[in-house]
PDB file of N, CA and C in Angstrom:
ATOM      1  N   MET A   1       1.434  18.339  -0.398  1.00  0.00           N
ATOM      2  CA  MET A   1       1.904  17.028  -0.804  1.00  0.00           C
ATOM      3  C   MET A   1       3.403  17.111  -1.083  1.00  0.00           C
ATOM      4  N   GLY A   2       4.132  16.175  -0.505  1.00  0.00           N
ATOM      5  CA  GLY A   2       5.577  16.193  -0.653  1.00  0.00           C
ATOM      6  C   GLY A   2       6.045  15.437  -1.874  1.00  0.00           C
ATOM      7  N   VAL A   3       7.339  15.362  -2.015  1.00  0.00           N
ATOM      8  CA  VAL A   3       7.947  14.604  -3.110  1.00  0.00           C
ATOM      9  C   VAL A   3       8.849  13.524  -2.535  1.00  0.00           C
ATOM     10  N   THR A   4       8.328  12.832  -1.543  1.00  0.00           N
ATOM     11  CA  THR A   4       9.081  11.744  -0.947  1.00  0.00           C
ATOM     12  C   THR A   4       8.518  10.414  -1.440  1.00  0.00           C
ATOM     13  N   LYS A   5       9.391   9.428  -1.568  1.00  0.00           N
ATOM     14  CA  LYS A   5       8.995   8.106  -2.066  1.00  0.00           C
ATOM     15  C   LYS A   5       8.255   7.349  -0.977  1.00  0.00           C
ATOM     16  N   CYS A   6       7.208   6.663  -1.378  1.00  0.00           N
ATOM     17  CA  CYS A   6       6.437   5.828  -0.459  1.00  0.00           C
ATOM     18  C   CYS A   6       7.349   4.744   0.114  1.00  0.00           C
ATOM     19  N   SER A   7       7.228   4.516   1.405  1.00  0.00           N
ATOM     20  CA  SER A   7       8.077   3.535   2.087  1.00  0.00           C
ATOM     21  C   SER A   7       7.572   2.106   1.960  1.00  0.00           C
ATOM     22  N   ARG A   8       6.405   1.910   1.356  1.00  0.00           N
ATOM     23  CA  ARG A   8       5.896   0.555   1.181  1.00  0.00           C
ATOM     24  C   ARG A   8       6.745  -0.167   0.145  1.00  0.00           C
ATOM     25  N   ASP A   9       7.103  -1.382   0.453  1.00  0.00           N
ATOM     26  CA  ASP A   9       7.937  -2.185  -0.439  1.00  0.00           C
ATOM     27  C   ASP A   9       7.270  -2.289  -1.813  1.00  0.00           C
ATOM     28  N   GLY A  10       8.000  -1.944  -2.846  1.00  0.00           N
ATOM     29  CA  GLY A  10       7.506  -2.068  -4.214  1.00  0.00           C
ATOM     30  C   GLY A  10       6.722  -0.884  -4.726  1.00  0.00           C
ATOM     31  N   CYS A  11       6.433   0.098  -3.886  1.00  0.00           N
ATOM     32  CA  CYS A  11       5.696   1.278  -4.345  1.00  0.00           C
ATOM     33  C   CYS A  11       6.688   2.364  -4.743  1.00  0.00           C
ATOM     34  N   ASN A  12       6.495   2.912  -5.933  1.00  0.00           N
ATOM     35  CA  ASN A  12       7.396   3.954  -6.426  1.00  0.00           C
ATOM     36  C   ASN A  12       6.767   5.332  -6.437  1.00  0.00           C
ATOM     37  N   ASP A  13       5.580   5.458  -5.848  1.00  0.00           N
ATOM     38  CA  ASP A  13       4.891   6.747  -5.820  1.00  0.00           C
ATOM     39  C   ASP A  13       5.711   7.744  -5.011  1.00  0.00           C
ATOM     40  N   THR A  14       5.853   8.947  -5.520  1.00  0.00           N
ATOM     41  CA  THR A  14       6.620   9.983  -4.829  1.00  0.00           C
ATOM     42  C   THR A  14       5.722  11.132  -4.381  1.00  0.00           C
ATOM     43  N   ARG A  15       4.426  10.904  -4.328  1.00  0.00           N
ATOM     44  CA  ARG A  15       3.493  11.956  -3.915  1.00  0.00           C
ATOM     45  C   ARG A  15       2.942  11.655  -2.522  1.00  0.00           C
ATOM     46  N   CYS A  16       3.803  11.542  -1.562  1.00  0.00           N
ATOM     47  CA  CYS A  16       3.390  11.176  -0.206  1.00  0.00           C
ATOM     48  C   CYS A  16       3.096  12.422   0.623  1.00  0.00           C
ATOM     49  N   ASP A  17       1.948  12.389   1.297  1.00  0.00           N
ATOM     50  CA  ASP A  17       1.625  13.503   2.177  1.00  0.00           C
ATOM     51  C   ASP A  17       1.318  13.019   3.591  1.00  0.00           C
ATOM     52  N   ARG A  18       1.723  11.789   3.895  1.00  0.00           N
ATOM     53  CA  ARG A  18       1.587  11.238   5.238  1.00  0.00           C
ATOM     54  C   ARG A  18       2.931  10.628   5.637  1.00  0.00           C
ATOM     55  N   HIS A  19       3.269  10.767   6.915  1.00  0.00           N
ATOM     56  CA  HIS A  19       4.549  10.255   7.402  1.00  0.00           C
ATOM     57  C   HIS A  19       4.384   9.675   8.799  1.00  0.00           C
ATOM     58  N   SER A  20       5.013   8.534   9.027  1.00  0.00           N
ATOM     59  CA  SER A  20       5.077   7.905  10.346  1.00  0.00           C
ATOM     60  C   SER A  20       6.539   7.827  10.751  1.00  0.00           C
ATOM     61  N   LYS A  21       6.822   8.185  11.994  1.00  0.00           N
ATOM     62  CA  LYS A  21       8.199   8.063  12.472  1.00  0.00           C
ATOM     63  C   LYS A  21       8.651   6.612  12.463  1.00  0.00           C
ATOM     64  N   LYS A  22       7.720   5.678  12.659  1.00  0.00           N
ATOM     65  CA  LYS A  22       8.068   4.262  12.710  1.00  0.00           C
ATOM     66  C   LYS A  22       8.115   3.614  11.329  1.00  0.00           C
ATOM     67  N   TYR A  23       7.183   3.972  10.428  1.00  0.00           N
ATOM     68  CA  TYR A  23       7.058   3.273   9.144  1.00  0.00           C
ATOM     69  C   TYR A  23       7.498   4.088   7.931  1.00  0.00           C
ATOM     70  N   GLY A  24       7.709   5.361   8.087  1.00  0.00           N
ATOM     71  CA  GLY A  24       8.131   6.208   6.973  1.00  0.00           C
ATOM     72  C   GLY A  24       6.955   6.849   6.261  1.00  0.00           C
ATOM     73  N   ASP A  25       7.165   7.191   4.994  1.00  0.00           N
ATOM     74  CA  ASP A  25       6.148   7.878   4.199  1.00  0.00           C
ATOM     75  C   ASP A  25       5.209   6.880   3.540  1.00  0.00           C
ATOM     76  N   ILE A  26       3.971   7.329   3.281  1.00  0.00           N
ATOM     77  CA  ILE A  26       3.004   6.477   2.597  1.00  0.00           C
ATOM     78  C   ILE A  26       2.197   7.342   1.630  1.00  0.00           C
ATOM     79  N   CYS A  27       2.026   6.822   0.411  1.00  0.00           N
ATOM     80  CA  CYS A  27       1.249   7.543  -0.596  1.00  0.00           C
ATOM     81  C   CYS A  27      -0.244   7.331  -0.345  1.00  0.00           C
ATOM     82  N   ASN A  28      -1.068   8.103  -1.004  1.00  0.00           N
ATOM     83  CA  ASN A  28      -2.505   8.022  -0.796  1.00  0.00           C
ATOM     84  C   ASN A  28      -3.070   6.665  -1.222  1.00  0.00           C
ATOM     85  N   ASP A  29      -2.592   6.095  -2.327  1.00  0.00           N
ATOM     86  CA  ASP A  29      -3.098   4.792  -2.779  1.00  0.00           C
ATOM     87  C   ASP A  29      -2.826   3.702  -1.736  1.00  0.00           C
ATOM     88  N   CYS A  30      -1.625   3.664  -1.220  1.00  0.00           N
ATOM     89  CA  CYS A  30      -1.289   2.665  -0.204  1.00  0.00           C
ATOM     90  C   CYS A  30      -2.056   2.937   1.091  1.00  0.00           C
ATOM     91  N   TYR A  31      -2.212   4.201   1.429  1.00  0.00           N
ATOM     92  CA  TYR A  31      -2.963   4.573   2.626  1.00  0.00           C
ATOM     93  C   TYR A  31      -4.411   4.094   2.525  1.00  0.00           C
ATOM     94  N   GLU A  32      -5.042   4.304   1.373  1.00  0.00           N
ATOM     95  CA  GLU A  32      -6.425   3.870   1.173  1.00  0.00           C
ATOM     96  C   GLU A  32      -6.532   2.349   1.231  1.00  0.00           C
ATOM     97  N   GLU A  33      -5.547   1.655   0.667  1.00  0.00           N
ATOM     98  CA  GLU A  33      -5.539   0.193   0.724  1.00  0.00           C
ATOM     99  C   GLU A  33      -5.385  -0.283   2.169  1.00  0.00           C
ATOM    100  N   LEU A  34      -4.507   0.376   2.914  1.00  0.00           N
ATOM    101  CA  LEU A  34      -4.310   0.027   4.315  1.00  0.00           C
ATOM    102  C   LEU A  34      -5.590   0.243   5.114  1.00  0.00           C
ATOM    103  N   LEU A  35      -6.281   1.343   4.872  1.00  0.00           N
ATOM    104  CA  LEU A  35      -7.543   1.604   5.567  1.00  0.00           C
ATOM    105  C   LEU A  35      -8.564   0.502   5.316  1.00  0.00           C
ATOM    106  N   ALA A  36      -8.555  -0.037   4.111  1.00  0.00           N
ATOM    107  CA  ALA A  36      -9.531  -1.059   3.742  1.00  0.00           C
ATOM    108  C   ALA A  36      -9.258  -2.404   4.422  1.00  0.00           C
ATOM    109  N   ILE A  37      -8.016  -2.679   4.797  1.00  0.00           N
ATOM    110  CA  ILE A  37      -7.709  -4.008   5.335  1.00  0.00           C
ATOM    111  C   ILE A  37      -7.230  -4.014   6.781  1.00  0.00           C
ATOM    112  N   TYR A  38      -6.896  -2.874   7.328  1.00  0.00           N
ATOM    113  CA  TYR A  38      -6.474  -2.822   8.732  1.00  0.00           C
ATOM    114  C   TYR A  38      -7.709  -2.980   9.605  1.00  0.00           C
ATOM    115  N   PRO A  39      -7.745  -3.740  10.635  1.00  0.00           N
ATOM    116  CA  PRO A  39      -6.682  -4.372  11.409  1.00  0.00           C
ATOM    117  C   PRO A  39      -6.441  -5.837  11.067  1.00  0.00           C
ATOM    118  N   TYR A  40      -7.011  -6.312   9.967  1.00  0.00           N
ATOM    119  CA  TYR A  40      -6.825  -7.722   9.603  1.00  0.00           C
ATOM    120  C   TYR A  40      -5.372  -8.023   9.273  1.00  0.00           C
ATOM    121  N   ILE A  41      -4.668  -7.022   8.778  1.00  0.00           N
ATOM    122  CA  ILE A  41      -3.231  -7.119   8.522  1.00  0.00           C
ATOM    123  C   ILE A  41      -2.582  -5.969   9.287  1.00  0.00           C
ATOM    124  N   ASP A  42      -1.557  -6.269  10.065  1.00  0.00           N
ATOM    125  CA  ASP A  42      -0.916  -5.190  10.814  1.00  0.00           C
ATOM    126  C   ASP A  42      -0.100  -4.303   9.878  1.00  0.00           C
ATOM    127  N   ILE A  43       0.196  -3.115  10.321  1.00  0.00           N
ATOM    128  CA  ILE A  43       0.846  -2.101   9.478  1.00  0.00           C
ATOM    129  C   ILE A  43       2.225  -2.555   9.018  1.00  0.00           C
ATOM    130  N   GLU A  44       2.994  -3.149   9.895  1.00  0.00           N
ATOM    131  CA  GLU A  44       4.342  -3.584   9.510  1.00  0.00           C
ATOM    132  C   GLU A  44       4.284  -4.626   8.397  1.00  0.00           C
ATOM    133  N   THR A  45       3.378  -5.576   8.512  1.00  0.00           N
ATOM    134  CA  THR A  45       3.210  -6.585   7.464  1.00  0.00           C
ATOM    135  C   THR A  45       2.793  -5.927   6.165  1.00  0.00           C
ATOM    136  N   PHE A  46       1.842  -5.010   6.238  1.00  0.00           N
ATOM    137  CA  PHE A  46       1.366  -4.296   5.057  1.00  0.00           C
ATOM    138  C   PHE A  46       2.512  -3.572   4.354  1.00  0.00           C
ATOM    139  N   MET A  47       3.324  -2.861   5.106  1.00  0.00           N
ATOM    140  CA  MET A  47       4.407  -2.079   4.516  1.00  0.00           C
ATOM    141  C   MET A  47       5.472  -2.975   3.880  1.00  0.00           C
ATOM    142  N   ASN A  48       5.569  -4.231   4.326  1.00  0.00           N
ATOM    143  CA  ASN A  48       6.576  -5.145   3.784  1.00  0.00           C
ATOM    144  C   ASN A  48       6.080  -5.969   2.611  1.00  0.00           C
ATOM    145  N   PHE A  49       4.771  -6.009   2.358  1.00  0.00           N
ATOM    146  CA  PHE A  49       4.231  -6.680   1.183  1.00  0.00           C
ATOM    147  C   PHE A  49       4.296  -5.718   0.006  1.00  0.00           C
ATOM    148  N   THR A  50       4.776  -6.180  -1.119  1.00  0.00           N
ATOM    149  CA  THR A  50       4.829  -5.299  -2.279  1.00  0.00           C
ATOM    150  C   THR A  50       3.446  -5.131  -2.872  1.00  0.00           C
ATOM    151  N   LYS A  51       3.250  -4.037  -3.554  1.00  0.00           N
ATOM    152  CA  LYS A  51       1.961  -3.764  -4.179  1.00  0.00           C
ATOM    153  C   LYS A  51       1.627  -4.816  -5.222  1.00  0.00           C
ATOM    154  N   GLU A  52       2.639  -5.421  -5.797  1.00  0.00           N
ATOM    155  CA  GLU A  52       2.402  -6.402  -6.850  1.00  0.00           C
ATOM    156  C   GLU A  52       1.919  -7.734  -6.286  1.00  0.00           C
ATOM    157  N   GLU A  53       2.175  -7.986  -5.016  1.00  0.00           N
ATOM    158  CA  GLU A  53       1.766  -9.248  -4.416  1.00  0.00           C
ATOM    159  C   GLU A  53       0.284  -9.219  -4.088  1.00  0.00           C
ATOM    160  N   ASP A  54      -0.385 -10.284  -4.371  1.00  0.00           N
ATOM    161  CA  ASP A  54      -1.805 -10.390  -4.069  1.00  0.00           C
ATOM    162  C   ASP A  54      -2.032 -11.071  -2.728  1.00  0.00           C
ATOM    163  N   GLU A  55      -0.986 -11.358  -2.008  1.00  0.00           N
ATOM    164  CA  GLU A  55      -1.107 -12.123  -0.775  1.00  0.00           C
ATOM    165  C   GLU A  55      -1.959 -11.415   0.275  1.00  0.00           C
ATOM    166  N   ILE A  56      -1.835 -10.110   0.401  1.00  0.00           N
ATOM    167  CA  ILE A  56      -2.634  -9.396   1.396  1.00  0.00           C
ATOM    168  C   ILE A  56      -4.115  -9.538   1.081  1.00  0.00           C
ATOM    169  N   MET A  57      -4.475  -9.351  -0.169  1.00  0.00           N
ATOM    170  CA  MET A  57      -5.877  -9.465  -0.536  1.00  0.00           C
ATOM    171  C   MET A  57      -6.355 -10.904  -0.373  1.00  0.00           C
ATOM    172  N   LYS A  58      -5.494 -11.887  -0.625  1.00  0.00           N
ATOM    173  CA  LYS A  58      -5.870 -13.285  -0.442  1.00  0.00           C
ATOM    174  C   LYS A  58      -6.134 -13.566   1.032  1.00  0.00           C
ATOM    175  N   ILE A  59      -5.277 -13.079   1.900  1.00  0.00           N
ATOM    176  CA  ILE A  59      -5.478 -13.267   3.338  1.00  0.00           C
ATOM    177  C   ILE A  59      -6.792 -12.618   3.768  1.00  0.00           C
ATOM    178  N   ASN A  60      -7.027 -11.399   3.315  1.00  0.00           N
ATOM    179  CA  ASN A  60      -8.248 -10.689   3.662  1.00  0.00           C
ATOM    180  C   ASN A  60      -9.471 -11.417   3.105  1.00  0.00           C
ATOM    181  N   LYS A  61      -9.378 -11.886   1.859  1.00  0.00           N
ATOM    182  CA  LYS A  61     -10.494 -12.600   1.240  1.00  0.00           C
ATOM    183  C   LYS A  61     -10.784 -13.888   2.006  1.00  0.00           C
ATOM    184  N   ASP A  62      -9.755 -14.632   2.387  1.00  0.00           N
ATOM    185  CA  ASP A  62      -9.947 -15.858   3.155  1.00  0.00           C
ATOM    186  C   ASP A  62     -10.624 -15.558   4.491  1.00  0.00           C
ATOM    187  N   PHE A  63     -10.212 -14.467   5.128  1.00  0.00           N
ATOM    188  CA  PHE A  63     -10.795 -14.076   6.412  1.00  0.00           C
ATOM    189  C   PHE A  63     -12.280 -13.760   6.261  1.00  0.00           C
ATOM    190  N   VAL A  64     -12.621 -12.950   5.271  1.00  0.00           N
ATOM    191  CA  VAL A  64     -14.012 -12.554   5.061  1.00  0.00           C
ATOM    192  C   VAL A  64     -14.843 -13.739   4.577  1.00  0.00           C
ATOM    193  N   ASN A  65     -14.292 -14.583   3.706  1.00  0.00           N
ATOM    194  CA  ASN A  65     -15.012 -15.759   3.226  1.00  0.00           C
ATOM    195  C   ASN A  65     -15.327 -16.730   4.362  1.00  0.00           C
ATOM    196  N   ALA A  66     -14.464 -16.789   5.365  1.00  0.00           N
ATOM    197  CA  ALA A  66     -14.734 -17.653   6.506  1.00  0.00           C
ATOM    198  C   ALA A  66     -15.942 -17.149   7.300  1.00  0.00           C
ATOM    199  N   ILE A  67     -16.129 -15.855   7.315  1.00  0.00           N
ATOM    200  CA  ILE A  67     -17.266 -15.264   8.022  1.00  0.00           C
ATOM    201  C   ILE A  67     -18.536 -15.348   7.178  1.00  0.00           C
ATOM    202  N   PHE A  68     -18.388 -15.110   5.879  1.00  0.00           N
ATOM    203  CA  PHE A  68     -19.517 -15.120   4.941  1.00  0.00           C
ATOM    204  C   PHE A  68     -19.304 -16.170   3.850  1.00  0.00           C
ATOM    205  N   PRO A  69     -19.447 -17.450   4.174  1.00  0.00           N
ATOM    206  CA  PRO A  69     -19.236 -18.461   3.145  1.00  0.00           C
ATOM    207  C   PRO A  69     -20.327 -18.362   2.068  1.00  0.00           C
ATOM    208  N   LYS A  70     -19.939 -18.719   0.873  1.00  0.00           N
ATOM    209  CA  LYS A  70     -20.873 -18.691  -0.250  1.00  0.00           C
ATOM    210  C   LYS A  70     -21.924 -19.784  -0.080  1.00  0.00           C
ATOM    211  N   LEU A  71     -23.173 -19.417  -0.321  1.00  0.00           N
ATOM    212  CA  LEU A  71     -24.262 -20.387  -0.229  1.00  0.00           C
ATOM    213  C   LEU A  71     -24.241 -21.313  -1.436  1.00  0.00           C
ATOM    214  N   PRO A  72     -24.620 -22.557  -1.236  1.00  0.00           N
ATOM    215  CA  PRO A  72     -24.650 -23.483  -2.379  1.00  0.00           C
ATOM    216  C   PRO A  72     -25.722 -23.068  -3.389  1.00  0.00           C
ATOM    217  N   ASP A  73     -25.470 -23.361  -4.643  1.00  0.00           N
ATOM    218  CA  ASP A  73     -26.439 -23.001  -5.704  1.00  0.00           C
ATOM    219  C   ASP A  73     -27.688 -23.836  -5.627  1.00  0.00           C
TER     220      ASP A  73
END
């Protein structure tokens, strides 16, 4: 595990052990989050959304809710 800063906007983790020539370094937390939502959000968009923003999860939730709408009570 290296001591490089995660390249995801807003992430300050410096324990990155993955690197992309195109996107830079990524920490394990961001990597796991990306695995959970890719391909619904492309990698470039993911790397540009800050960890503090809930927009990625909202987009993903809207996508999944459209497939599995809640049944009426």
